[in-house]
C-alpha cells in the first residue's frame, strides 16, 4: 500500500470509531434521561 492509502484507511477507521462513540454517548444519555424520569 502507498502512504496515501494508509492515511485514508486510518481516517476512515477514525471516523467510524468517532461515529460509534457519539452514537453510544447519545444512547447512554437517552437511557439516563429515561431512567431519571421514571425513578426521580
C-alpha atoms as a PDB file:
ATOM      1  CA  UNK A   1       0.000   0.000   0.000  1.00  0.00           C
ATOM      2  CA  UNK A   2       1.112   3.517  -0.670  1.00  0.00           C
ATOM      3  CA  UNK A   3       1.171   6.071   2.123  1.00  0.00           C
ATOM      4  CA  UNK A   4      -1.917   7.842   0.801  1.00  0.00           C
ATOM      5  CA  UNK A   5      -3.980   4.647   1.003  1.00  0.00           C
ATOM      6  CA  UNK A   6      -2.770   4.020   4.556  1.00  0.00           C
ATOM      7  CA  UNK A   7      -3.656   7.536   5.688  1.00  0.00           C
ATOM      8  CA  UNK A   8      -7.090   7.295   4.049  1.00  0.00           C
ATOM      9  CA  UNK A   9      -7.680   3.967   5.763  1.00  0.00           C
ATOM     10  CA  UNK A  10      -6.669   5.446   9.124  1.00  0.00           C
ATOM     11  CA  UNK A  11      -9.003   8.385   8.563  1.00  0.00           C
ATOM     12  CA  UNK A  12     -11.871   6.029   7.725  1.00  0.00           C
ATOM     13  CA  UNK A  13     -11.266   3.936  10.853  1.00  0.00           C
ATOM     14  CA  UNK A  14     -11.006   7.067  12.988  1.00  0.00           C
ATOM     15  CA  UNK A  15     -14.258   8.477  11.565  1.00  0.00           C
ATOM     16  CA  UNK A  16     -16.042   5.183  12.134  1.00  0.00           C
ATOM     17  CA  UNK A  17     -14.805   4.977  15.734  1.00  0.00           C
ATOM     18  CA  UNK A  18     -15.874   8.572  16.379  1.00  0.00           C
ATOM     19  CA  UNK A  19     -19.318   7.930  14.905  1.00  0.00           C
ATOM     20  CA  UNK A  20     -19.832   4.817  17.033  1.00  0.00           C
ATOM     21  CA  UNK A  21     -18.659   6.674  20.146  1.00  0.00           C
ATOM     22  CA  UNK A  22     -21.070   9.550  19.528  1.00  0.00           C
ATOM     23  CA  UNK A  23     -23.948   7.118  18.976  1.00  0.00           C
ATOM     24  CA  UNK A  24     -23.106   5.319  22.220  1.00  0.00           C
ATOM     25  CA  UNK A  25     -22.998   8.615  24.106  1.00  0.00           C
ATOM     26  CA  UNK A  26     -26.338   9.704  22.682  1.00  0.00           C
ATOM     27  CA  UNK A  27     -27.910   6.356  23.556  1.00  0.00           C
ATOM     28  CA  UNK A  28     -26.434   6.481  27.051  1.00  0.00           C
ATOM     29  CA  UNK A  29     -27.743   9.992  27.627  1.00  0.00           C
ATOM     30  CA  UNK A  30     -31.174   8.965  26.304  1.00  0.00           C
ATOM     31  CA  UNK A  31     -31.293   5.968  28.643  1.00  0.00           C
ATOM     32  CA  UNK A  32     -30.209   8.109  31.584  1.00  0.00           C
ATOM     33  CA  UNK A  33     -32.905  10.697  30.946  1.00  0.00           C
ATOM     34  CA  UNK A  34     -35.459   7.881  30.606  1.00  0.00           C
ATOM     35  CA  UNK A  35     -34.421   6.355  33.933  1.00  0.00           C
ATOM     36  CA  UNK A  36     -34.348   9.747  35.611  1.00  0.00           C
ATOM     37  CA  UNK A  37     -37.928  10.450  34.555  1.00  0.00           C
ATOM     38  CA  UNK A  38     -39.122   7.106  35.881  1.00  0.00           C
ATOM     39  CA  UNK A  39     -37.272   6.939  39.174  1.00  0.00           C
ATOM     40  CA  UNK A  40     -36.966  10.516  40.374  1.00  0.00           C
END
